[in-house]
N, C-alpha and C. Protein backbone atom coordinates (compact mmCIF):
# COMPACT_ATOMS: atom_id res chain seq x y z
N MET A 1 231.92 99.53 144.54
CA MET A 1 230.83 98.60 144.35
C MET A 1 229.77 99.26 143.48
N SER A 2 229.31 98.54 142.48
CA SER A 2 228.29 99.09 141.60
C SER A 2 226.91 98.97 142.25
N ARG A 3 226.00 99.77 141.81
CA ARG A 3 224.66 99.75 142.40
C ARG A 3 223.98 98.42 142.11
N GLN A 4 223.12 98.01 143.02
CA GLN A 4 222.48 96.71 142.89
C GLN A 4 220.97 96.79 142.87
N THR A 5 220.43 98.00 142.95
CA THR A 5 218.98 98.16 142.96
C THR A 5 218.52 99.20 141.95
N TYR A 6 217.29 99.04 141.51
CA TYR A 6 216.62 100.04 140.68
C TYR A 6 215.69 100.86 141.57
N SER A 7 215.66 102.15 141.36
CA SER A 7 214.62 102.98 141.95
C SER A 7 213.44 102.94 140.96
N ALA A 8 212.31 103.50 141.33
CA ALA A 8 211.15 103.51 140.44
C ALA A 8 211.47 104.29 139.17
N LYS A 9 212.19 105.38 139.30
CA LYS A 9 212.54 106.18 138.13
C LYS A 9 213.41 105.39 137.16
N GLU A 10 214.42 104.70 137.71
CA GLU A 10 215.32 103.91 136.87
C GLU A 10 214.61 102.72 136.22
N LEU A 11 213.76 102.05 136.99
CA LEU A 11 213.01 100.91 136.44
C LEU A 11 212.06 101.39 135.36
N GLY A 12 211.39 102.51 135.59
CA GLY A 12 210.49 103.06 134.59
C GLY A 12 211.20 103.39 133.30
N GLU A 13 212.40 103.96 133.41
CA GLU A 13 213.18 104.28 132.21
C GLU A 13 213.61 103.01 131.49
N ALA A 14 214.03 101.99 132.24
CA ALA A 14 214.47 100.73 131.64
C ALA A 14 213.33 100.02 130.91
N LEU A 15 212.11 100.14 131.45
CA LEU A 15 210.97 99.44 130.87
C LEU A 15 210.14 100.31 129.93
N GLY A 16 210.38 101.61 129.97
CA GLY A 16 209.59 102.52 129.14
C GLY A 16 208.18 102.72 129.66
N VAL A 17 208.05 102.73 131.00
CA VAL A 17 206.75 102.95 131.63
C VAL A 17 206.83 104.14 132.57
N SER A 18 205.68 104.59 133.05
CA SER A 18 205.66 105.73 133.96
C SER A 18 206.24 105.34 135.32
N GLU A 19 206.61 106.35 136.07
CA GLU A 19 207.16 106.11 137.39
C GLU A 19 206.13 105.45 138.31
N SER A 20 204.87 105.83 138.19
CA SER A 20 203.84 105.22 139.03
C SER A 20 203.65 103.75 138.68
N LYS A 21 203.74 103.39 137.41
CA LYS A 21 203.65 101.97 137.01
C LYS A 21 204.87 101.22 137.54
N ALA A 22 206.04 101.85 137.50
CA ALA A 22 207.25 101.23 138.02
C ALA A 22 207.11 100.95 139.52
N TYR A 23 206.51 101.90 140.28
CA TYR A 23 206.27 101.66 141.71
C TYR A 23 205.35 100.46 141.90
N GLU A 24 204.36 100.31 141.05
CA GLU A 24 203.45 99.16 141.13
C GLU A 24 204.24 97.86 140.93
N TYR A 25 205.11 97.83 139.93
CA TYR A 25 205.94 96.66 139.69
C TYR A 25 206.86 96.37 140.87
N ILE A 26 207.46 97.43 141.43
CA ILE A 26 208.36 97.26 142.57
C ILE A 26 207.61 96.68 143.76
N ARG A 27 206.41 97.17 144.03
CA ARG A 27 205.63 96.62 145.15
C ARG A 27 205.35 95.14 144.94
N GLN A 28 205.00 94.78 143.72
CA GLN A 28 204.71 93.37 143.41
C GLN A 28 205.96 92.50 143.58
N MET A 29 207.07 92.95 143.01
CA MET A 29 208.30 92.15 143.10
C MET A 29 208.80 92.06 144.54
N ASN A 30 208.69 93.15 145.32
CA ASN A 30 209.11 93.11 146.71
C ASN A 30 208.23 92.17 147.52
N ALA A 31 206.94 92.10 147.20
CA ALA A 31 206.04 91.16 147.89
C ALA A 31 206.46 89.72 147.58
N GLU A 32 206.83 89.46 146.32
CA GLU A 32 207.31 88.13 145.94
C GLU A 32 208.58 87.77 146.69
N LEU A 33 209.51 88.72 146.76
CA LEU A 33 210.77 88.47 147.44
C LEU A 33 210.56 88.25 148.94
N LYS A 34 209.67 89.04 149.54
CA LYS A 34 209.38 88.90 150.96
C LYS A 34 208.78 87.53 151.25
N GLU A 35 207.90 87.06 150.35
CA GLU A 35 207.28 85.74 150.50
C GLU A 35 208.34 84.63 150.45
N LYS A 36 209.42 84.87 149.71
CA LYS A 36 210.51 83.90 149.60
C LYS A 36 211.49 84.01 150.76
N GLY A 37 211.26 84.98 151.66
CA GLY A 37 212.11 85.13 152.84
C GLY A 37 213.21 86.16 152.72
N PHE A 38 213.22 86.94 151.65
CA PHE A 38 214.24 87.96 151.49
C PHE A 38 213.81 89.27 152.14
N MET A 39 214.78 90.05 152.55
CA MET A 39 214.50 91.39 153.06
C MET A 39 214.39 92.32 151.86
N THR A 40 213.55 93.34 151.97
CA THR A 40 213.36 94.28 150.86
C THR A 40 213.52 95.70 151.34
N VAL A 41 213.71 96.60 150.39
CA VAL A 41 213.79 98.03 150.67
C VAL A 41 212.64 98.69 149.93
N ARG A 42 211.82 99.41 150.64
CA ARG A 42 210.67 100.07 150.04
C ARG A 42 211.11 101.03 148.93
N GLY A 43 210.47 100.90 147.76
CA GLY A 43 210.75 101.80 146.66
C GLY A 43 211.95 101.40 145.80
N LYS A 44 212.56 100.26 146.13
CA LYS A 44 213.70 99.78 145.33
C LYS A 44 213.55 98.28 145.13
N VAL A 45 214.14 97.79 144.04
CA VAL A 45 214.10 96.37 143.74
C VAL A 45 215.47 95.95 143.22
N PRO A 46 215.94 94.77 143.60
CA PRO A 46 217.25 94.33 143.08
C PRO A 46 217.24 94.25 141.55
N ILE A 47 218.29 94.76 140.94
CA ILE A 47 218.40 94.76 139.48
C ILE A 47 218.34 93.33 138.95
N ALA A 48 219.03 92.41 139.61
CA ALA A 48 219.07 91.01 139.15
C ALA A 48 217.66 90.42 139.13
N TYR A 49 216.85 90.72 140.15
CA TYR A 49 215.49 90.17 140.20
C TYR A 49 214.61 90.80 139.13
N ALA A 50 214.72 92.10 138.93
CA ALA A 50 213.94 92.77 137.90
C ALA A 50 214.30 92.21 136.53
N ASN A 51 215.59 92.01 136.27
CA ASN A 51 216.02 91.44 134.99
C ASN A 51 215.47 90.03 134.80
N GLU A 52 215.44 89.25 135.88
CA GLU A 52 214.90 87.89 135.80
C GLU A 52 213.40 87.92 135.47
N ARG A 53 212.66 88.79 136.13
CA ARG A 53 211.21 88.84 135.95
C ARG A 53 210.80 89.43 134.61
N PHE A 54 211.52 90.41 134.11
CA PHE A 54 211.13 91.07 132.87
C PHE A 54 211.86 90.56 131.64
N PHE A 55 213.08 90.09 131.80
CA PHE A 55 213.88 89.71 130.64
C PHE A 55 214.39 88.29 130.70
N GLY A 56 213.84 87.46 131.56
CA GLY A 56 214.24 86.07 131.66
C GLY A 56 215.65 85.86 132.17
N GLY A 57 216.15 86.81 132.97
CA GLY A 57 217.47 86.67 133.56
C GLY A 57 218.60 87.29 132.76
N LEU A 58 218.29 87.91 131.63
CA LEU A 58 219.33 88.56 130.85
C LEU A 58 219.83 89.80 131.56
N ALA A 59 221.09 90.07 131.45
CA ALA A 59 221.65 91.29 132.01
C ALA A 59 221.15 92.48 131.22
N GLN A 60 221.12 93.65 131.86
CA GLN A 60 220.67 94.86 131.18
C GLN A 60 221.49 95.08 129.93
N GLY A 61 220.84 95.34 128.82
CA GLY A 61 221.52 95.55 127.56
C GLY A 61 221.47 94.31 126.67
N GLU A 62 221.44 93.13 127.27
CA GLU A 62 221.37 91.88 126.50
C GLU A 62 219.97 91.69 125.90
N ALA A 63 218.95 92.26 126.52
CA ALA A 63 217.58 92.08 126.05
C ALA A 63 217.38 92.72 124.67
N ASN A 64 218.16 93.76 124.38
CA ASN A 64 218.01 94.46 123.09
C ASN A 64 218.96 93.93 122.03
N ALA A 65 219.82 93.00 122.38
CA ALA A 65 220.82 92.49 121.44
C ALA A 65 220.22 91.56 120.40
């Protein structure tokens, strides 16, 4: 099974931002998911949700195509 979440380090690298900024984004996205009734993991965010919020739902790699 392939990984399904980004850590702050991975999200920061994908977005080109610092790790602390990535943690800020993760907290915000996890709050949104929790409000929608989803369970969350502190310090991680689902890759699919991050791609939806930052790239309009494009899979990783498609945003640069």
